[in-house]
C-alpha atoms as a PDB file:
ATOM      1  CA  MET A   1      23.316 -15.309   0.465  1.00  0.00           C
ATOM      2  CA  ASP A   2      22.493 -19.206   0.712  1.00  0.00           C
ATOM      3  CA  GLU A   3      23.071 -21.844  -1.981  1.00  0.00           C
ATOM      4  CA  PRO A   4      20.062 -23.276  -3.358  1.00  0.00           C
ATOM      5  CA  PRO A   5      20.130 -26.815  -4.152  1.00  0.00           C
ATOM      6  CA  GLY A   6      21.818 -27.922  -6.805  1.00  0.00           C
ATOM      7  CA  ARG A   7      19.545 -29.764  -8.490  1.00  0.00           C
ATOM      8  CA  LEU A   8      16.757 -26.706  -8.484  1.00  0.00           C
ATOM      9  CA  ALA A   9      19.574 -24.039  -9.728  1.00  0.00           C
ATOM     10  CA  ARG A  10      19.572 -26.617 -12.504  1.00  0.00           C
ATOM     11  CA  LYS A  11      16.103 -25.829 -13.415  1.00  0.00           C
ATOM     12  CA  PRO A  12      15.213 -23.527 -16.185  1.00  0.00           C
ATOM     13  CA  SER A  13      12.395 -22.929 -14.686  1.00  0.00           C
ATOM     14  CA  TRP A  14      13.816 -22.250 -11.300  1.00  0.00           C
ATOM     15  CA  LEU A  15      16.334 -19.553 -13.131  1.00  0.00           C
ATOM     16  CA  ILE A  16      13.400 -18.047 -14.931  1.00  0.00           C
ATOM     17  CA  THR A  17      11.594 -17.458 -11.869  1.00  0.00           C
ATOM     18  CA  GLN A  18      14.827 -16.308  -9.966  1.00  0.00           C
ATOM     19  CA  LEU A  19      15.294 -13.698 -12.706  1.00  0.00           C
ATOM     20  CA  ALA A  20      11.536 -12.605 -13.468  1.00  0.00           C
ATOM     21  CA  VAL A  21      12.092 -11.291 -10.005  1.00  0.00           C
ATOM     22  CA  HIS A  22      15.148  -9.481 -10.412  1.00  0.00           C
ATOM     23  CA  ILE A  23      13.313  -8.298 -13.743  1.00  0.00           C
ATOM     24  CA  ARG A  24      10.606  -7.284 -12.453  1.00  0.00           C
ATOM     25  CA  ARG A  25      11.882  -5.530  -9.606  1.00  0.00           C
ATOM     26  CA  LEU A  26      14.643  -3.608 -11.958  1.00  0.00           C
ATOM     27  CA  VAL A  27      11.716  -2.511 -14.748  1.00  0.00           C
ATOM     28  CA  ALA A  28       9.623  -1.171 -11.837  1.00  0.00           C
ATOM     29  CA  ASP A  29      12.516   1.147 -10.204  1.00  0.00           C
ATOM     30  CA  SER A  30      13.612   2.053 -13.827  1.00  0.00           C
ATOM     31  CA  PHE A  31       9.935   3.189 -15.324  1.00  0.00           C
ATOM     32  CA  THR A  32       8.955   4.882 -11.695  1.00  0.00           C
ATOM     33  CA  ALA A  33      11.551   7.048 -11.711  1.00  0.00           C
ATOM     34  CA  ALA A  34      10.468   8.641 -15.136  1.00  0.00           C
ATOM     35  CA  GLY A  35       6.597   8.628 -13.495  1.00  0.00           C
ATOM     36  CA  ALA A  36       5.616   5.423 -15.692  1.00  0.00           C
ATOM     37  CA  ARG A  37       4.421   2.035 -15.186  1.00  0.00           C
ATOM     38  CA  GLY A  38       4.880  -0.889 -16.668  1.00  0.00           C
ATOM     39  CA  TYR A  39       1.288  -1.056 -18.357  1.00  0.00           C
ATOM     40  CA  HIS A  40       1.891   2.076 -19.135  1.00  0.00           C
ATOM     41  CA  TYR A  41       5.105   0.720 -21.799  1.00  0.00           C
ATOM     42  CA  ARG A  42       2.477  -1.676 -22.747  1.00  0.00           C
ATOM     43  CA  ILE A  43      -0.132   0.317 -23.954  1.00  0.00           C
ATOM     44  CA  LEU A  44       2.141   3.081 -25.885  1.00  0.00           C
ATOM     45  CA  ALA A  45       3.588   0.641 -27.500  1.00  0.00           C
ATOM     46  CA  ALA A  46       0.870  -1.024 -28.766  1.00  0.00           C
ATOM     47  CA  LEU A  47      -0.444   2.059 -29.995  1.00  0.00           C
ATOM     48  CA  ASP A  48       2.739   3.238 -32.026  1.00  0.00           C
ATOM     49  CA  GLU A  49       3.022   0.072 -33.577  1.00  0.00           C
ATOM     50  CA  PHE A  50      -0.627  -0.835 -34.037  1.00  0.00           C
ATOM     51  CA  GLY A  51      -2.502   2.589 -34.121  1.00  0.00           C
ATOM     52  CA  PRO A  52      -5.436   3.794 -32.204  1.00  0.00           C
ATOM     53  CA  ALA A  53      -7.133   0.974 -30.453  1.00  0.00           C
ATOM     54  CA  SER A  54     -10.126   0.047 -28.420  1.00  0.00           C
ATOM     55  CA  GLN A  55      -9.463  -0.035 -24.372  1.00  0.00           C
ATOM     56  CA  ALA A  56     -10.878  -3.695 -25.262  1.00  0.00           C
ATOM     57  CA  GLU A  57      -8.096  -4.116 -28.042  1.00  0.00           C
ATOM     58  CA  LEU A  58      -5.048  -3.143 -25.604  1.00  0.00           C
ATOM     59  CA  GLY A  59      -6.456  -5.491 -23.312  1.00  0.00           C
ATOM     60  CA  ARG A  60      -6.040  -8.123 -25.281  1.00  0.00           C
ATOM     61  CA  ARG A  61      -2.977  -7.416 -27.292  1.00  0.00           C
ATOM     62  CA  CYS A  62      -0.954  -6.334 -24.388  1.00  0.00           C
ATOM     63  CA  ARG A  63      -2.526  -8.749 -22.057  1.00  0.00           C
ATOM     64  CA  VAL A  64      -3.722  -6.518 -19.669  1.00  0.00           C
ATOM     65  CA  ASP A  65      -7.079  -7.195 -17.418  1.00  0.00           C
ATOM     66  CA  ARG A  66      -9.587  -4.782 -18.544  1.00  0.00           C
ATOM     67  CA  SER A  67      -9.909  -2.913 -15.294  1.00  0.00           C
ATOM     68  CA  ASP A  68      -6.356  -2.871 -15.386  1.00  0.00           C
ATOM     69  CA  VAL A  69      -6.085  -1.540 -18.997  1.00  0.00           C
ATOM     70  CA  VAL A  70      -9.128   1.306 -17.773  1.00  0.00           C
ATOM     71  CA  ALA A  71      -6.589   2.508 -15.084  1.00  0.00           C
ATOM     72  CA  ALA A  72      -3.919   3.004 -16.636  1.00  0.00           C
ATOM     73  CA  VAL A  73      -5.486   4.477 -19.679  1.00  0.00           C
ATOM     74  CA  ASN A  74      -6.693   7.370 -17.223  1.00  0.00           C
ATOM     75  CA  GLU A  75      -3.182   8.185 -16.224  1.00  0.00           C
ATOM     76  CA  LEU A  76      -2.130   8.294 -19.758  1.00  0.00           C
ATOM     77  CA  VAL A  77      -4.623  10.207 -20.348  1.00  0.00           C
ATOM     78  CA  GLU A  78      -4.094  12.186 -17.686  1.00  0.00           C
ATOM     79  CA  ALA A  79      -0.339  12.770 -18.284  1.00  0.00           C
ATOM     80  CA  GLY A  80      -1.436  14.104 -21.885  1.00  0.00           C
ATOM     81  CA  HIS A  81       0.235  11.019 -23.278  1.00  0.00           C
ATOM     82  CA  VAL A  82      -2.891   9.040 -25.124  1.00  0.00           C
ATOM     83  CA  ASP A  83      -6.157  10.962 -26.103  1.00  0.00           C
ATOM     84  CA  ARG A  84      -9.520   9.015 -25.348  1.00  0.00           C
ATOM     85  CA  THR A  85     -12.431   9.651 -27.593  1.00  0.00           C
ATOM     86  CA  PRO A  86     -16.017   8.010 -28.339  1.00  0.00           C
ATOM     87  CA  ASP A  87     -15.426   5.411 -31.287  1.00  0.00           C
ATOM     88  CA  PRO A  88     -17.810   6.711 -34.477  1.00  0.00           C
ATOM     89  CA  ASP A  89     -18.065   3.439 -35.596  1.00  0.00           C
ATOM     90  CA  HIS A  90     -19.242   1.913 -31.789  1.00  0.00           C
ATOM     91  CA  GLY A  91     -21.137   4.301 -29.580  1.00  0.00           C
ATOM     92  CA  ARG A  92     -20.114   2.707 -26.628  1.00  0.00           C
ATOM     93  CA  ARG A  93     -16.923   2.165 -27.184  1.00  0.00           C
ATOM     94  CA  ASN A  94     -13.297   4.627 -26.508  1.00  0.00           C
ATOM     95  CA  ARG A  95     -11.074   4.831 -29.015  1.00  0.00           C
ATOM     96  CA  VAL A  96      -7.291   5.434 -27.735  1.00  0.00           C
ATOM     97  CA  THR A  97      -4.438   7.266 -29.429  1.00  0.00           C
ATOM     98  CA  LEU A  98      -1.286   8.329 -28.977  1.00  0.00           C
ATOM     99  CA  THR A  99      -0.243  11.871 -28.714  1.00  0.00           C
ATOM    100  CA  ALA A 100       3.385  13.216 -29.544  1.00  0.00           C
ATOM    101  CA  GLY A 101       3.788  13.131 -25.860  1.00  0.00           C
ATOM    102  CA  GLY A 102       3.202   9.675 -25.572  1.00  0.00           C
ATOM    103  CA  ALA A 103       5.330   8.786 -28.351  1.00  0.00           C
ATOM    104  CA  ALA A 104       8.245  10.792 -26.725  1.00  0.00           C
ATOM    105  CA  GLN A 105       7.557   8.938 -23.202  1.00  0.00           C
ATOM    106  CA  LEU A 106       7.899   5.790 -25.259  1.00  0.00           C
ATOM    107  CA  ARG A 107      11.025   6.915 -26.662  1.00  0.00           C
ATOM    108  CA  ARG A 108      12.226   8.121 -22.822  1.00  0.00           C
ATOM    109  CA  MET A 109      10.928   4.223 -21.714  1.00  0.00           C
ATOM    110  CA  ASP A 110      12.700   2.548 -24.342  1.00  0.00           C
ATOM    111  CA  THR A 111      15.981   3.893 -23.477  1.00  0.00           C
ATOM    112  CA  LEU A 112      15.432   2.983 -19.646  1.00  0.00           C
ATOM    113  CA  LEU A 113      14.330  -0.526 -20.428  1.00  0.00           C
ATOM    114  CA  ASP A 114      17.443  -0.813 -23.314  1.00  0.00           C
ATOM    115  CA  GLN A 115      19.260   0.068 -19.977  1.00  0.00           C
ATOM    116  CA  VAL A 116      17.582  -2.645 -17.823  1.00  0.00           C
ATOM    117  CA  GLN A 117      18.137  -4.991 -20.419  1.00  0.00           C
ATOM    118  CA  ASP A 118      22.054  -4.257 -20.697  1.00  0.00           C
ATOM    119  CA  ASP A 119      22.599  -4.236 -16.974  1.00  0.00           C
ATOM    120  CA  LEU A 120      20.468  -7.614 -16.730  1.00  0.00           C
ATOM    121  CA  LEU A 121      22.574  -9.303 -19.722  1.00  0.00           C
ATOM    122  CA  GLU A 122      25.728  -7.967 -19.076  1.00  0.00           C
ATOM    123  CA  PRO A 123      27.543 -10.976 -18.517  1.00  0.00           C
ATOM    124  CA  LEU A 124      26.275 -12.129 -21.646  1.00  0.00           C
ATOM    125  CA  SER A 125      28.003 -11.545 -25.257  1.00  0.00           C
ATOM    126  CA  ALA A 126      25.743  -9.796 -28.096  1.00  0.00           C
ATOM    127  CA  GLU A 127      25.329 -13.372 -30.145  1.00  0.00           C
ATOM    128  CA  ASP A 128      24.750 -15.152 -26.347  1.00  0.00           C
ATOM    129  CA  ARG A 129      21.824 -12.210 -25.868  1.00  0.00           C
ATOM    130  CA  ALA A 130      20.400 -13.006 -29.258  1.00  0.00           C
ATOM    131  CA  THR A 131      20.537 -16.262 -28.692  1.00  0.00           C
ATOM    132  CA  LEU A 132      18.728 -16.168 -25.718  1.00  0.00           C
ATOM    133  CA  THR A 133      16.100 -13.909 -26.706  1.00  0.00           C
ATOM    134  CA  ARG A 134      15.513 -16.229 -29.467  1.00  0.00           C
ATOM    135  CA  LEU A 135      15.315 -19.548 -27.631  1.00  0.00           C
ATOM    136  CA  LEU A 136      12.612 -17.705 -24.853  1.00  0.00           C
ATOM    137  CA  GLY A 137      10.953 -16.841 -27.803  1.00  0.00           C
ATOM    138  CA  ARG A 138      10.520 -20.174 -29.038  1.00  0.00           C
ATOM    139  CA  VAL A 139       9.819 -21.610 -25.746  1.00  0.00           C
ATOM    140  CA  LEU A 140       7.052 -18.732 -25.206  1.00  0.00           C
ATOM    141  CA  ALA A 141       5.532 -19.234 -28.548  1.00  0.00           C
ATOM    142  CA  ARG A 142       4.684 -22.726 -27.734  1.00  0.00           C
ATOM    143  CA  PHE A 143       1.840 -21.106 -25.098  1.00  0.00           C
ATOM    144  CA  GLU A 144       1.021 -18.398 -26.935  1.00  0.00           C
ATOM    145  CA  PRO A 145      -2.917 -18.812 -28.366  1.00  0.00           C
END
């Protein structure tokens, strides 16, 4: 493979973008093998951590477009990973709840995602991985609302 120009390869923004391409492929391939998608993981993780939520809340919390949340929740309902019921406090809102099957799927997806992290960061020590995660979190926090 041809090397990029050195001045480009020394830019963190370029490196992060190139890694993002690989990360998306690795995660998508891993989740596809488990019959899942990245949006499923986000939604299941949010429900597990924060409890039942409306679809709008899930969209905001998971940073997923409203129409994509609806499609993902439909898929999760069909798979038995979440229940969607009318919100008794708000007639036009649905309440989404994690099921036992959804919790089991989340654990499977956690294992797959952990494997992807290990594959991706294999050249780094545990200390370097923790440092990278901390630094990326600090940079990202600057852009979070």
